[in-house]
PDB file of N, CA and C in Angstrom:
ATOM      1  N   MET A   1      83.084 125.662  99.136  1.00  0.00           N
ATOM      2  CA  MET A   1      82.966 124.415  99.317  1.00  0.00           C
ATOM      3  C   MET A   1      82.166 124.229  98.276  1.00  0.00           C
ATOM      4  N   LYS A   2      81.854 123.272  97.301  1.00  0.00           N
ATOM      5  CA  LYS A   2      80.943 122.567  96.462  1.00  0.00           C
ATOM      6  C   LYS A   2      80.290 121.979  95.986  1.00  0.00           C
ATOM      7  N   ASP A   3      81.341 120.693  97.139  1.00  0.00           N
ATOM      8  CA  ASP A   3      80.600 119.117  97.625  1.00  0.00           C
ATOM      9  C   ASP A   3      81.554 118.473  98.650  1.00  0.00           C
ATOM     10  N   ALA A   4      80.801 117.750  98.901  1.00  0.00           N
ATOM     11  CA  ALA A   4      81.502 116.466  99.755  1.00  0.00           C
ATOM     12  C   ALA A   4      80.707 115.273  99.746  1.00  0.00           C
ATOM     13  N   THR A   5      81.655 113.862  99.904  1.00  0.00           N
ATOM     14  CA  THR A   5      80.737 113.145 100.330  1.00  0.00           C
ATOM     15  C   THR A   5      81.903 112.228 100.311  1.00  0.00           C
ATOM     16  N   ILE A   6      80.922 110.617 100.744  1.00  0.00           N
ATOM     17  CA  ILE A   6      81.647 109.614 101.704  1.00  0.00           C
ATOM     18  C   ILE A   6      82.486 108.816 100.423  1.00  0.00           C
ATOM     19  N   ALA A   7      84.340 108.679 100.039  1.00  0.00           N
ATOM     20  CA  ALA A   7      84.747 108.383  99.674  1.00  0.00           C
ATOM     21  C   ALA A   7      84.631 107.221  99.111  1.00  0.00           C
ATOM     22  N   GLU A   8      84.821 106.739  97.726  1.00  0.00           N
ATOM     23  CA  GLU A   8      84.478 105.624  97.163  1.00  0.00           C
ATOM     24  C   GLU A   8      85.000 104.167  97.326  1.00  0.00           C
ATOM     25  N   GLY A   9      84.592 102.846  97.760  1.00  0.00           N
ATOM     26  CA  GLY A   9      85.907 101.798  98.218  1.00  0.00           C
ATOM     27  C   GLY A   9      85.473 100.848  99.311  1.00  0.00           C
ATOM     28  N   GLU A  10      86.195  99.930  99.354  1.00  0.00           N
ATOM     29  CA  GLU A  10      85.181  99.117 100.396  1.00  0.00           C
ATOM     30  C   GLU A  10      86.319  99.455 101.499  1.00  0.00           C
ATOM     31  N   GLY A  11      86.157  99.818 102.996  1.00  0.00           N
ATOM     32  CA  GLY A  11      86.734  99.572 103.326  1.00  0.00           C
ATOM     33  C   GLY A  11      87.826 101.030 103.321  1.00  0.00           C
ATOM     34  N   GLN A  12      87.331 102.217 103.317  1.00  0.00           N
ATOM     35  CA  GLN A  12      87.861 103.577 103.334  1.00  0.00           C
ATOM     36  C   GLN A  12      87.085 105.237 104.115  1.00  0.00           C
ATOM     37  N   ASN A  13      87.796 105.336 104.671  1.00  0.00           N
ATOM     38  CA  ASN A  13      86.867 105.675 105.780  1.00  0.00           C
ATOM     39  C   ASN A  13      87.779 107.631 105.536  1.00  0.00           C
ATOM     40  N   ALA A  14      88.080 108.042 103.925  1.00  0.00           N
ATOM     41  CA  ALA A  14      87.268 109.414 103.573  1.00  0.00           C
ATOM     42  C   ALA A  14      87.029 110.200 102.996  1.00  0.00           C
ATOM     43  N   VAL A  15      86.637 111.041 102.921  1.00  0.00           N
ATOM     44  CA  VAL A  15      85.373 111.851 102.503  1.00  0.00           C
ATOM     45  C   VAL A  15      86.298 112.600 101.264  1.00  0.00           C
ATOM     46  N   ASP A  16      85.517 113.144  99.937  1.00  0.00           N
ATOM     47  CA  ASP A  16      85.732 113.360  99.344  1.00  0.00           C
ATOM     48  C   ASP A  16      85.624 114.917  99.507  1.00  0.00           C
ATOM     49  N   VAL A  17      86.097 115.750  98.544  1.00  0.00           N
ATOM     50  CA  VAL A  17      85.372 117.011  99.302  1.00  0.00           C
ATOM     51  C   VAL A  17      86.317 117.936  97.100  1.00  0.00           C
ATOM     52  N   THR A  18      85.147 118.407  96.606  1.00  0.00           N
ATOM     53  CA  THR A  18      85.128 119.365  95.617  1.00  0.00           C
ATOM     54  C   THR A  18      84.695 121.108  96.562  1.00  0.00           C
ATOM     55  N   PHE A  19      86.218 121.630  95.827  1.00  0.00           N
ATOM     56  CA  PHE A  19      85.862 122.597  96.243  1.00  0.00           C
ATOM     57  C   PHE A  19      84.872 124.347  94.897  1.00  0.00           C
ATOM     58  N   THR A  20      84.682 124.970  95.263  1.00  0.00           N
ATOM     59  CA  THR A  20      84.261 126.196  94.311  1.00  0.00           C
ATOM     60  C   THR A  20      85.228 126.848  93.404  1.00  0.00           C
ATOM     61  N   GLU A  21      85.468 126.753  92.370  1.00  0.00           N
ATOM     62  CA  GLU A  21      86.443 128.077  92.012  1.00  0.00           C
ATOM     63  C   GLU A  21      87.450 128.882  93.125  1.00  0.00           C
ATOM     64  N   ASP A  22      86.524 129.776  93.609  1.00  0.00           N
ATOM     65  CA  ASP A  22      87.235 130.285  94.413  1.00  0.00           C
ATOM     66  C   ASP A  22      87.568 129.909  95.550  1.00  0.00           C
ATOM     67  N   GLY A  23      87.137 128.412  95.394  1.00  0.00           N
ATOM     68  CA  GLY A  23      87.997 127.603  96.917  1.00  0.00           C
ATOM     69  C   GLY A  23      88.757 127.456  97.090  1.00  0.00           C
ATOM     70  N   ALA A  24      88.897 126.301  95.395  1.00  0.00           N
ATOM     71  CA  ALA A  24      90.057 126.338  94.729  1.00  0.00           C
ATOM     72  C   ALA A  24      91.262 126.914  94.384  1.00  0.00           C
ATOM     73  N   VAL A  25      91.346 127.469  94.488  1.00  0.00           N
ATOM     74  CA  VAL A  25      92.037 129.202  94.506  1.00  0.00           C
ATOM     75  C   VAL A  25      92.722 128.926  95.712  1.00  0.00           C
ATOM     76  N   VAL A  26      91.407 129.301  96.877  1.00  0.00           N
ATOM     77  CA  VAL A  26      92.215 129.225  98.327  1.00  0.00           C
ATOM     78  C   VAL A  26      93.263 128.220  98.994  1.00  0.00           C
ATOM     79  N   PHE A  27      92.562 127.366  98.770  1.00  0.00           N
ATOM     80  CA  PHE A  27      93.186 126.474  98.830  1.00  0.00           C
ATOM     81  C   PHE A  27      94.783 125.848  98.477  1.00  0.00           C
ATOM     82  N   ASN A  28      94.668 126.192  97.158  1.00  0.00           N
ATOM     83  CA  ASN A  28      95.813 125.848  96.885  1.00  0.00           C
ATOM     84  C   ASN A  28      97.203 127.516  97.203  1.00  0.00           C
ATOM     85  N   ALA A  29      96.526 128.332  97.205  1.00  0.00           N
ATOM     86  CA  ALA A  29      97.234 129.474  98.209  1.00  0.00           C
ATOM     87  C   ALA A  29      97.401 128.883  99.643  1.00  0.00           C
ATOM     88  N   LEU A  30      97.001 128.380 100.576  1.00  0.00           N
ATOM     89  CA  LEU A  30      97.114 127.742 102.020  1.00  0.00           C
ATOM     90  C   LEU A  30      98.590 126.422 101.493  1.00  0.00           C
ATOM     91  N   THR A  31      98.649 125.694 100.763  1.00  0.00           N
ATOM     92  CA  THR A  31      99.189 125.014 100.755  1.00  0.00           C
ATOM     93  C   THR A  31     100.821 125.077  99.671  1.00  0.00           C
ATOM     94  N   VAL A  32     100.182 126.179  99.211  1.00  0.00           N
ATOM     95  CA  VAL A  32     101.581 126.538  98.794  1.00  0.00           C
ATOM     96  C   VAL A  32     102.666 127.745  99.404  1.00  0.00           C
ATOM     97  N   LYS A  33     101.896 128.217 100.648  1.00  0.00           N
ATOM     98  CA  LYS A  33     102.578 128.592 101.527  1.00  0.00           C
ATOM     99  C   LYS A  33     102.723 127.554 102.531  1.00  0.00           C
ATOM    100  N   ALA A  34     102.365 126.853 102.810  1.00  0.00           N
ATOM    101  CA  ALA A  34     102.311 125.913 103.683  1.00  0.00           C
ATOM    102  C   ALA A  34     103.290 125.026 103.487  1.00  0.00           C
ATOM    103  N   VAL A  35     103.658 124.272 102.037  1.00  0.00           N
ATOM    104  CA  VAL A  35     104.709 123.268 101.058  1.00  0.00           C
ATOM    105  C   VAL A  35     105.938 124.732 101.314  1.00  0.00           C
ATOM    106  N   GLN A  36     105.711 126.611 101.549  1.00  0.00           N
ATOM    107  CA  GLN A  36     107.045 127.133 100.949  1.00  0.00           C
ATOM    108  C   GLN A  36     107.611 127.113 102.590  1.00  0.00           C
ATOM    109  N   ALA A  37     106.714 126.902 103.732  1.00  0.00           N
ATOM    110  CA  ALA A  37     107.586 126.997 105.223  1.00  0.00           C
ATOM    111  C   ALA A  37     107.903 126.103 106.053  1.00  0.00           C
ATOM    112  N   GLY A  38     107.710 124.558 105.059  1.00  0.00           N
ATOM    113  CA  GLY A  38     108.971 123.773 105.103  1.00  0.00           C
ATOM    114  C   GLY A  38     108.171 122.985 106.728  1.00  0.00           C
ATOM    115  N   ASP A  39     108.594 121.615 106.294  1.00  0.00           N
ATOM    116  CA  ASP A  39     108.210 120.443 106.823  1.00  0.00           C
ATOM    117  C   ASP A  39     107.776 120.352 107.849  1.00  0.00           C
ATOM    118  N   SER A  40     107.878 121.823 109.335  1.00  0.00           N
ATOM    119  CA  SER A  40     107.268 121.390 109.757  1.00  0.00           C
ATOM    120  C   SER A  40     106.503 122.015 110.720  1.00  0.00           C
ATOM    121  N   VAL A  41     105.952 122.418 109.523  1.00  0.00           N
ATOM    122  CA  VAL A  41     104.489 123.478 109.563  1.00  0.00           C
ATOM    123  C   VAL A  41     103.425 122.221 109.314  1.00  0.00           C
ATOM    124  N   ARG A  42     102.004 122.391 109.844  1.00  0.00           N
ATOM    125  CA  ARG A  42     101.502 122.055 109.404  1.00  0.00           C
ATOM    126  C   ARG A  42      99.906 122.821 109.341  1.00  0.00           C
ATOM    127  N   LEU A  43      98.900 122.149 108.382  1.00  0.00           N
ATOM    128  CA  LEU A  43      97.927 122.759 107.824  1.00  0.00           C
ATOM    129  C   LEU A  43      96.789 121.657 108.845  1.00  0.00           C
ATOM    130  N   ILE A  44      95.851 122.773 109.110  1.00  0.00           N
ATOM    131  CA  ILE A  44      95.219 122.512 110.338  1.00  0.00           C
ATOM    132  C   ILE A  44      93.910 122.488 109.259  1.00  0.00           C
ATOM    133  N   ILE A  45      92.535 121.391 109.573  1.00  0.00           N
ATOM    134  CA  ILE A  45      91.708 121.463 108.861  1.00  0.00           C
ATOM    135  C   ILE A  45      90.559 120.724 109.825  1.00  0.00           C
ATOM    136  N   LYS A  46      89.804 122.636 109.766  1.00  0.00           N
ATOM    137  CA  LYS A  46      88.985 122.572 111.314  1.00  0.00           C
ATOM    138  C   LYS A  46      87.325 122.449 110.344  1.00  0.00           C
ATOM    139  N   ILE A  47      86.178 121.760 110.612  1.00  0.00           N
ATOM    140  CA  ILE A  47      85.280 121.472 110.165  1.00  0.00           C
ATOM    141  C   ILE A  47      84.089 121.456 111.415  1.00  0.00           C
ATOM    142  N   GLY A  48      82.991 122.325 110.889  1.00  0.00           N
ATOM    143  CA  GLY A  48      81.814 122.242 112.184  1.00  0.00           C
ATOM    144  C   GLY A  48      82.856 122.770 112.984  1.00  0.00           C
ATOM    145  N   GLY A  49      83.626 123.826 113.161  1.00  0.00           N
ATOM    146  CA  GLY A  49      84.389 124.165 114.660  1.00  0.00           C
ATOM    147  C   GLY A  49      84.866 123.625 115.174  1.00  0.00           C
ATOM    148  N   GLU A  50      85.370 121.848 114.425  1.00  0.00           N
ATOM    149  CA  GLU A  50      86.590 121.512 115.236  1.00  0.00           C
ATOM    150  C   GLU A  50      87.747 121.406 114.424  1.00  0.00           C
ATOM    151  N   ILE A  51      88.324 121.352 115.260  1.00  0.00           N
ATOM    152  CA  ILE A  51      89.928 120.618 114.440  1.00  0.00           C
ATOM    153  C   ILE A  51      89.886 119.378 113.701  1.00  0.00           C
ATOM    154  N   GLN A  52      90.296 119.177 112.961  1.00  0.00           N
ATOM    155  CA  GLN A  52      90.182 116.265 112.101  1.00  0.00           C
ATOM    156  C   GLN A  52      91.701 116.513 111.685  1.00  0.00           C
ATOM    157  N   GLY A  53      91.779 117.506 111.674  1.00  0.00           N
ATOM    158  CA  GLY A  53      93.296 117.781 110.996  1.00  0.00           C
ATOM    159  C   GLY A  53      94.461 118.262 111.516  1.00  0.00           C
ATOM    160  N   ALA A  54      96.257 117.882 111.462  1.00  0.00           N
ATOM    161  CA  ALA A  54      96.733 118.901 111.372  1.00  0.00           C
ATOM    162  C   ALA A  54      97.817 117.790 109.715  1.00  0.00           C
ATOM    163  N   VAL A  55      97.552 118.657 109.091  1.00  0.00           N
ATOM    164  CA  VAL A  55      98.859 118.219 108.026  1.00  0.00           C
ATOM    165  C   VAL A  55      99.777 118.234 107.444  1.00  0.00           C
ATOM    166  N   VAL A  56     100.865 118.071 107.180  1.00  0.00           N
ATOM    167  CA  VAL A  56     102.100 118.050 106.312  1.00  0.00           C
ATOM    168  C   VAL A  56     101.696 118.471 105.518  1.00  0.00           C
ATOM    169  N   VAL A  57     101.837 118.781 103.776  1.00  0.00           N
ATOM    170  CA  VAL A  57     102.190 119.158 102.997  1.00  0.00           C
ATOM    171  C   VAL A  57     103.221 118.762 102.140  1.00  0.00           C
ATOM    172  N   MET A  58     103.029 118.194 101.116  1.00  0.00           N
ATOM    173  CA  MET A  58     104.596 117.402 100.381  1.00  0.00           C
ATOM    174  C   MET A  58     104.705 118.769  99.300  1.00  0.00           C
ATOM    175  N   GLU A  59     102.775 118.953  98.594  1.00  0.00           N
ATOM    176  CA  GLU A  59     103.483 119.763  97.655  1.00  0.00           C
ATOM    177  C   GLU A  59     102.013 119.904  97.500  1.00  0.00           C
ATOM    178  N   ALA A  60     102.212 121.420  96.802  1.00  0.00           N
ATOM    179  CA  ALA A  60     101.311 121.873  96.267  1.00  0.00           C
ATOM    180  C   ALA A  60      99.751 121.309  95.681  1.00  0.00           C
ATOM    181  N   MET A  61      98.145 121.667  96.382  1.00  0.00           N
ATOM    182  CA  MET A  61      97.300 120.993  95.738  1.00  0.00           C
ATOM    183  C   MET A  61      97.106 121.735  94.550  1.00  0.00           C
ATOM    184  N   GLU A  62      96.611 121.582  93.669  1.00  0.00           N
ATOM    185  CA  GLU A  62      95.506 122.234  92.412  1.00  0.00           C
ATOM    186  C   GLU A  62      94.750 121.609  91.947  1.00  0.00           C
ATOM    187  N   GLY A  63      94.303 121.904  91.220  1.00  0.00           N
ATOM    188  CA  GLY A  63      92.288 121.674  90.935  1.00  0.00           C
ATOM    189  C   GLY A  63      91.475 122.123  92.383  1.00  0.00           C
ATOM    190  N   ASP A  64      90.412 121.357  92.079  1.00  0.00           N
ATOM    191  CA  ASP A  64      88.992 121.763  93.324  1.00  0.00           C
ATOM    192  C   ASP A  64      88.799 120.726  93.778  1.00  0.00           C
ATOM    193  N   HIS A  65      89.551 118.945  93.680  1.00  0.00           N
ATOM    194  CA  HIS A  65      89.678 117.927  94.732  1.00  0.00           C
ATOM    195  C   HIS A  65      90.240 117.685  95.822  1.00  0.00           C
ATOM    196  N   VAL A  66      90.258 117.101  96.683  1.00  0.00           N
ATOM    197  CA  VAL A  66      90.500 116.867  97.706  1.00  0.00           C
ATOM    198  C   VAL A  66      90.079 115.767  98.550  1.00  0.00           C
ATOM    199  N   GLN A  67      90.831 114.559  99.272  1.00  0.00           N
ATOM    200  CA  GLN A  67      90.090 113.242 100.472  1.00  0.00           C
ATOM    201  C   GLN A  67      91.340 114.047 101.094  1.00  0.00           C
ATOM    202  N   ILE A  68      89.761 113.588 101.940  1.00  0.00           N
ATOM    203  CA  ILE A  68      90.712 113.284 103.569  1.00  0.00           C
ATOM    204  C   ILE A  68      89.685 111.937 105.062  1.00  0.00           C
ATOM    205  N   SER A  69      91.160 111.248 104.354  1.00  0.00           N
ATOM    206  CA  SER A  69      90.552 110.591 105.557  1.00  0.00           C
ATOM    207  C   SER A  69      90.277 111.154 106.803  1.00  0.00           C
ATOM    208  N   VAL A  70      89.711 109.846 107.439  1.00  0.00           N
ATOM    209  CA  VAL A  70      88.973 109.917 108.722  1.00  0.00           C
ATOM    210  C   VAL A  70      89.908 109.294 109.275  1.00  0.00           C
ATOM    211  N   SER A  71      89.731 109.478 110.915  1.00  0.00           N
ATOM    212  CA  SER A  71      90.150 108.793 111.583  1.00  0.00           C
ATOM    213  C   SER A  71      89.281 107.067 111.741  1.00  0.00           C
ATOM    214  N   PRO A  72      89.938 106.297 111.705  1.00  0.00           N
ATOM    215  CA  PRO A  72      88.913 105.049 112.517  1.00  0.00           C
ATOM    216  C   PRO A  72      88.172 104.888 112.959  1.00  0.00           C
ATOM    217  N   ASP A  73      87.638 106.590 114.432  1.00  0.00           N
ATOM    218  CA  ASP A  73      87.517 106.189 115.105  1.00  0.00           C
ATOM    219  C   ASP A  73      85.885 107.124 114.675  1.00  0.00           C
ATOM    220  N   ASP A  74      85.998 107.917 113.981  1.00  0.00           N
ATOM    221  CA  ASP A  74      85.207 108.809 113.319  1.00  0.00           C
ATOM    222  C   ASP A  74      84.678 107.582 112.810  1.00  0.00           C
ATOM    223  N   ASN A  75      83.314 108.886 112.024  1.00  0.00           N
ATOM    224  CA  ASN A  75      82.420 108.391 110.880  1.00  0.00           C
ATOM    225  C   ASN A  75      82.343 109.379 109.997  1.00  0.00           C
ATOM    226  N   ALA A  76      82.648 109.244 109.250  1.00  0.00           N
ATOM    227  CA  ALA A  76      82.966 109.745 107.429  1.00  0.00           C
ATOM    228  C   ALA A  76      81.632 110.248 107.230  1.00  0.00           C
ATOM    229  N   GLN A  77      80.210 109.843 107.398  1.00  0.00           N
ATOM    230  CA  GLN A  77      78.694 109.920 107.021  1.00  0.00           C
ATOM    231  C   GLN A  77      79.423 111.927 108.290  1.00  0.00           C
ATOM    232  N   LYS A  78      79.038 112.058 108.848  1.00  0.00           N
ATOM    233  CA  LYS A  78      79.243 112.749 109.918  1.00  0.00           C
ATOM    234  C   LYS A  78      80.522 114.149 109.784  1.00  0.00           C
ATOM    235  N   ILE A  79      81.401 113.569 109.056  1.00  0.00           N
ATOM    236  CA  ILE A  79      81.950 114.908 108.703  1.00  0.00           C
ATOM    237  C   ILE A  79      81.203 115.606 107.543  1.00  0.00           C
ATOM    238  N   VAL A  80      81.046 115.129 106.186  1.00  0.00           N
ATOM    239  CA  VAL A  80      80.311 115.152 105.174  1.00  0.00           C
ATOM    240  C   VAL A  80      78.921 116.385 105.738  1.00  0.00           C
ATOM    241  N   ASP A  81      78.481 115.578 106.478  1.00  0.00           N
ATOM    242  CA  ASP A  81      76.813 115.690 107.172  1.00  0.00           C
ATOM    243  C   ASP A  81      77.612 118.219 108.228  1.00  0.00           C
ATOM    244  N   LEU A  82      79.146 117.710 109.229  1.00  0.00           N
ATOM    245  CA  LEU A  82      79.045 118.827 109.279  1.00  0.00           C
ATOM    246  C   LEU A  82      79.554 119.868 108.055  1.00  0.00           C
ATOM    247  N   ILE A  83      80.428 119.487 107.440  1.00  0.00           N
ATOM    248  CA  ILE A  83      80.796 120.096 105.292  1.00  0.00           C
ATOM    249  C   ILE A  83      80.061 120.369 105.022  1.00  0.00           C
ATOM    250  N   HIS A  84      78.675 119.488 104.910  1.00  0.00           N
ATOM    251  CA  HIS A  84      77.375 121.041 103.833  1.00  0.00           C
ATOM    252  C   HIS A  84      76.759 122.089 105.336  1.00  0.00           C
ATOM    253  N   LYS A  85      76.542 121.836 106.272  1.00  0.00           N
ATOM    254  CA  LYS A  85      75.978 122.686 107.625  1.00  0.00           C
ATOM    255  C   LYS A  85      76.732 123.810 107.197  1.00  0.00           C
ATOM    256  N   GLY A  86      78.252 123.993 106.826  1.00  0.00           N
ATOM    257  CA  GLY A  86      78.752 124.948 106.660  1.00  0.00           C
ATOM    258  C   GLY A  86      80.141 125.694 108.097  1.00  0.00           C
TER     259      GLY A  86
END
């Protein structure tokens, strides 16, 4: 991971994540496999040792950027802090 910030926009509860070049390659490969496996498969998003989400991947992600929606009950800054801790 290269960087993580709170997503810009009023009322949004999301985190923008930018991957390193190697991280983007790994993330793309995981999303390709998830798409190939079908819509019953979930990609688990784990941050700070805790599962933050389990999403259906509709199409492979390309590039080095992804936005992760955060539950209204969670604090986006807390998620950013957990990502930065590694």
